[in-house]
Protein backbone atom coordinates (compact mmCIF):
# COMPACT_ATOMS: atom_id res chain seq x y z
CA MET A 1 243.99 117.58 -106.76
CA THR A 2 243.55 115.93 -103.37
CA PRO A 3 244.03 112.18 -103.00
CA ARG A 4 240.96 110.13 -103.83
CA PRO A 5 239.47 107.84 -101.17
CA SER A 6 239.73 104.12 -101.88
CA ARG A 7 235.94 103.70 -101.98
CA ASP A 8 233.62 105.29 -104.53
CA LEU A 9 232.35 108.71 -103.56
CA VAL A 10 228.65 109.01 -104.39
CA LEU A 11 227.11 112.46 -104.65
CA LEU A 12 223.41 112.01 -103.94
CA VAL A 13 221.38 114.98 -105.15
CA GLU A 14 217.89 114.67 -103.65
CA ASP A 15 215.69 117.35 -102.11
CA ASP A 16 213.41 114.92 -100.24
CA ALA A 17 215.17 114.58 -96.86
CA ASN A 18 213.60 111.21 -95.99
CA ALA A 19 214.39 109.67 -99.38
CA ALA A 20 217.95 111.01 -99.24
CA ARG A 21 218.52 109.71 -95.72
CA MET A 22 217.26 106.21 -96.55
CA LEU A 23 219.16 105.91 -99.82
CA ALA A 24 222.37 107.30 -98.30
CA GLN A 25 222.14 104.76 -95.48
CA LEU A 26 221.75 101.86 -97.92
CA LEU A 27 224.66 103.07 -100.03
CA ARG A 28 226.89 103.46 -96.96
CA GLU A 29 225.96 99.98 -95.77
CA ASP A 30 227.09 98.73 -99.19
CA GLY A 31 230.49 100.37 -98.74
CA HIS A 32 230.15 103.69 -100.54
CA ASP A 33 231.13 107.09 -99.23
CA VAL A 34 228.08 109.32 -99.67
CA GLU A 35 227.62 113.07 -99.72
CA VAL A 36 224.08 114.46 -99.87
CA VAL A 37 223.16 117.72 -101.60
CA THR A 38 219.58 119.02 -101.68
CA ASP A 39 219.78 121.83 -104.24
CA GLY A 40 220.61 121.91 -107.94
CA TRP A 41 222.86 124.96 -107.79
CA VAL A 42 224.79 123.53 -104.86
CA ALA A 43 225.24 120.26 -106.77
CA ILE A 44 226.54 122.10 -109.84
CA ALA A 45 229.11 123.91 -107.70
CA ARG A 46 230.02 120.71 -105.84
CA VAL A 47 230.96 118.65 -108.94
CA ALA A 48 233.80 121.09 -109.66
CA GLN A 49 235.37 120.62 -106.22
CA ASP A 50 237.71 117.98 -104.80
CA PRO A 51 237.32 115.27 -103.91
CA ARG A 52 235.48 114.61 -107.16
CA PRO A 53 232.55 112.20 -107.00
CA ASP A 54 232.77 108.92 -108.88
CA VAL A 55 229.00 108.50 -109.05
CA LEU A 56 226.11 110.97 -109.12
CA ILE A 57 222.59 109.93 -108.28
CA VAL A 58 220.43 112.90 -109.24
CA ASP A 59 216.73 113.51 -108.82
CA TYR A 60 215.24 115.32 -111.81
CA ARG A 61 213.11 117.79 -109.86
CA LEU A 62 215.30 119.97 -107.66
CA PRO A 63 215.23 123.51 -106.34
CA HIS A 64 217.13 126.14 -108.38
CA ALA A 65 218.40 123.86 -111.17
CA ASP A 66 216.90 120.63 -112.48
CA GLY A 67 218.67 117.30 -112.68
CA LEU A 68 219.49 117.78 -116.37
CA ALA A 69 221.48 120.92 -115.56
CA VAL A 70 223.27 119.04 -112.77
CA ALA A 71 224.04 116.11 -115.10
CA ARG A 72 225.36 118.49 -117.78
CA ALA A 73 227.70 120.20 -115.30
CA ALA A 74 228.77 116.88 -113.85
CA ARG A 75 229.68 115.44 -117.23
CA ALA A 76 231.75 118.53 -118.04
CA HIS A 77 233.81 118.10 -114.85
CA LEU A 78 233.60 114.33 -114.43
CA PRO A 79 233.79 112.65 -117.83
CA ALA A 80 234.21 109.14 -116.36
CA ALA A 81 231.56 109.40 -113.63
CA LEU A 82 228.46 107.25 -113.56
CA ILE A 83 225.47 109.57 -113.68
CA VAL A 84 222.13 108.11 -112.63
CA MET A 85 219.04 110.28 -113.11
CA VAL A 86 216.03 109.33 -111.01
CA THR A 87 212.61 110.64 -111.98
CA SER A 88 208.89 110.12 -111.74
CA TYR A 89 208.72 111.32 -115.35
CA PRO A 90 210.95 108.90 -117.31
CA GLU A 91 208.97 109.31 -120.53
CA VAL A 92 209.55 113.08 -120.43
CA VAL A 93 213.10 113.17 -119.10
CA GLY A 94 214.56 110.12 -120.85
CA GLY A 95 214.83 111.54 -124.35
CA ARG A 96 216.25 114.84 -123.18
CA LEU A 97 218.79 113.15 -120.92
CA HIS A 98 220.07 110.77 -123.56
CA GLU A 99 220.30 113.53 -126.19
CA GLU A 100 222.72 115.31 -123.86
CA ASP A 101 224.47 112.32 -122.31
CA ALA A 102 224.17 108.90 -123.90
CA GLN A 103 226.17 107.35 -121.03
CA ALA A 104 223.78 108.48 -118.30
CA VAL A 105 221.41 105.98 -116.72
CA LEU A 106 217.74 106.77 -116.22
CA LEU A 107 215.83 105.02 -113.43
CA PRO A 108 212.15 105.60 -112.69
CA LYS A 109 210.65 106.37 -109.31
CA PRO A 110 209.90 104.65 -107.11
CA LEU A 111 213.56 103.72 -107.25
CA SER A 112 214.44 100.05 -107.23
CA TYR A 113 217.57 99.73 -105.10
CA GLU A 114 218.30 96.45 -106.87
CA ASP A 115 218.38 98.24 -110.25
CA LEU A 116 220.60 100.97 -108.84
CA THR A 117 223.08 98.51 -107.33
CA ARG A 118 223.23 96.61 -110.62
CA HIS A 119 224.44 99.80 -112.35
CA LEU A 120 226.89 100.55 -109.54
CA ALA A 121 228.31 97.02 -109.74
CA ALA A 122 228.68 97.27 -113.52
CA ARG A 123 230.85 100.34 -113.02
CA ALA A 124 233.41 98.43 -110.92
């Protein structure tokens, strides 16, 4: 395993380039290292590689594999990671997500950055 950076590594899985760019910028300004992935399959492969992310922020609707599949793979490789699922369909996704991963956080779109940072701060 390669040495872990001193700051949290956030894997942001979002296929909307503008949303990803804006959220990544805010997270970096708050002191996080951020890696952006735009595809579900790529995200699933990425969680098994070093350096391992400390936090995943995952959109539900993604090309090739949905956010639930990404969260499932992430939890298998990263048992201590904070997983935050972001969706426009919280009433549909919420039950399925928490059946699979009771520790995961579900946040509705439009995403409140204040809510997200509250969960990130609670992790520290």
